Amino acid sequence: MTITECVLIILLSANGASLFNHMRRIQEVERKLNLVLTHLGIDPSVRIAPSSHVIDLARDPRQRIEAIKAYRAQTGAGLKDAVAVIDEIVANTKGAGA
């Protein structure tokens, strides 16, 4: 093993430990935030209902991306959650015969 490889391994292991500490800290902050929300009577796992504007956009297949963007702007949700909500709206619309 060369000196360059040894230095690289040391740097990578130090960064890995640092990343682990950051992830652990983020998890601790999320846990505390959930405790505060629960104390205030807010369920942190509940999705925010989409507005009528988002629902109208989601019903039009050509406006799917706009519906996702609008839901994210309205709620601050992540992309994965927003897509799931829009997909639920579309499935409910198809199930209703519209």
Protein backbone atom coordinates (compact mmCIF):
# COMPACT_ATOMS: atom_id res chain seq x y z
CA MET A 1 0.00 0.00 0.00
CA THR A 2 1.37 3.39 -0.98
CA ILE A 3 1.43 6.49 1.17
CA THR A 4 -1.18 8.10 -1.08
CA GLU A 5 -3.54 5.16 -0.55
CA CYS A 6 -2.98 5.30 3.23
CA VAL A 7 -3.77 9.02 3.31
CA LEU A 8 -6.85 8.46 1.17
CA ILE A 9 -8.11 5.72 3.50
CA ILE A 10 -7.55 7.92 6.55
CA LEU A 11 -9.42 10.83 4.95
CA LEU A 12 -12.30 8.64 3.87
CA SER A 13 -12.63 7.05 7.30
CA ALA A 14 -12.60 10.48 8.96
CA ASN A 15 -15.31 11.73 6.58
CA GLY A 16 -17.32 8.58 7.15
CA ALA A 17 -17.25 9.12 10.91
CA SER A 18 -18.22 12.75 10.42
CA LEU A 19 -21.11 11.75 8.17
CA PHE A 20 -22.28 9.21 10.73
CA ASN A 21 -22.23 11.88 13.44
CA HIS A 22 -24.25 14.26 11.25
CA MET A 23 -26.83 11.57 10.48
CA ARG A 24 -27.12 10.70 14.17
CA ARG A 25 -27.58 14.37 15.04
CA ILE A 26 -30.27 14.81 12.38
CA GLN A 27 -32.14 11.78 13.73
CA GLU A 28 -31.97 13.23 17.25
CA VAL A 29 -33.32 16.59 16.07
CA GLU A 30 -36.15 14.85 14.18
CA ARG A 31 -37.01 12.83 17.29
CA LYS A 32 -37.17 15.99 19.40
CA LEU A 33 -39.25 17.80 16.79
CA ASN A 34 -41.72 14.92 16.72
CA LEU A 35 -41.96 15.05 20.52
CA VAL A 36 -42.73 18.78 20.39
CA LEU A 37 -45.35 18.28 17.68
CA THR A 38 -46.96 15.46 19.65
CA HIS A 39 -46.98 17.62 22.79
CA LEU A 40 -48.78 20.34 20.84
CA GLY A 41 -51.35 17.81 19.65
CA ILE A 42 -50.08 17.68 16.09
CA ASP A 43 -49.59 14.27 14.52
CA PRO A 44 -46.28 14.50 12.62
CA SER A 45 -47.18 11.60 10.34
CA VAL A 46 -50.41 13.09 8.96
CA ARG A 47 -50.33 14.40 5.41
CA ILE A 48 -51.67 17.86 4.70
CA ALA A 49 -54.78 17.71 2.53
CA PRO A 50 -54.27 19.08 -0.98
CA SER A 51 -56.08 22.25 -1.96
CA SER A 52 -58.85 22.25 -4.55
CA HIS A 53 -56.39 23.80 -7.02
CA VAL A 54 -54.02 20.84 -6.59
CA ILE A 55 -56.88 18.38 -6.96
CA ASP A 56 -58.06 20.07 -10.16
CA LEU A 57 -54.53 19.95 -11.59
CA ALA A 58 -54.11 16.29 -10.60
CA ARG A 59 -57.28 15.27 -12.42
CA ASP A 60 -55.78 16.38 -15.73
CA PRO A 61 -53.04 13.91 -16.77
CA ARG A 62 -51.26 16.66 -18.71
CA GLN A 63 -50.96 18.72 -15.52
CA ARG A 64 -49.46 15.99 -13.30
CA ILE A 65 -46.09 17.71 -12.87
CA GLU A 66 -47.79 21.04 -12.16
CA ALA A 67 -49.97 19.32 -9.55
CA ILE A 68 -46.89 17.87 -7.86
CA LYS A 69 -45.18 21.27 -7.88
CA ALA A 70 -48.29 22.96 -6.50
CA TYR A 71 -48.67 20.41 -3.69
CA ARG A 72 -45.00 20.78 -2.74
CA ALA A 73 -45.35 24.58 -2.73
CA GLN A 74 -48.50 24.35 -0.62
CA THR A 75 -47.20 21.90 1.96
CA GLY A 76 -43.41 21.83 1.81
CA ALA A 77 -43.60 18.07 1.22
CA GLY A 78 -40.79 16.15 -0.40
CA LEU A 79 -40.97 14.92 -3.96
CA LYS A 80 -41.74 11.31 -3.00
CA ASP A 81 -44.62 12.31 -0.72
CA ALA A 82 -46.04 14.75 -3.26
CA VAL A 83 -46.00 12.13 -6.01
CA ALA A 84 -47.77 9.67 -3.70
CA VAL A 85 -50.51 12.20 -2.90
CA ILE A 86 -51.06 13.07 -6.57
CA ASP A 87 -51.14 9.37 -7.49
CA GLU A 88 -53.80 8.80 -4.80
CA ILE A 89 -55.90 11.65 -6.23
CA VAL A 90 -55.60 10.18 -9.73
CA ALA A 91 -56.52 6.69 -8.49
CA ASN A 92 -59.55 8.04 -6.60
CA THR A 93 -60.64 10.00 -9.66
CA LYS A 94 -60.43 6.92 -11.89
CA GLY A 95 -62.24 4.86 -9.25
CA ALA A 96 -65.06 7.40 -9.16
CA GLY A 97 -65.61 6.98 -12.88
CA ALA A 98 -64.44 10.42 -13.90
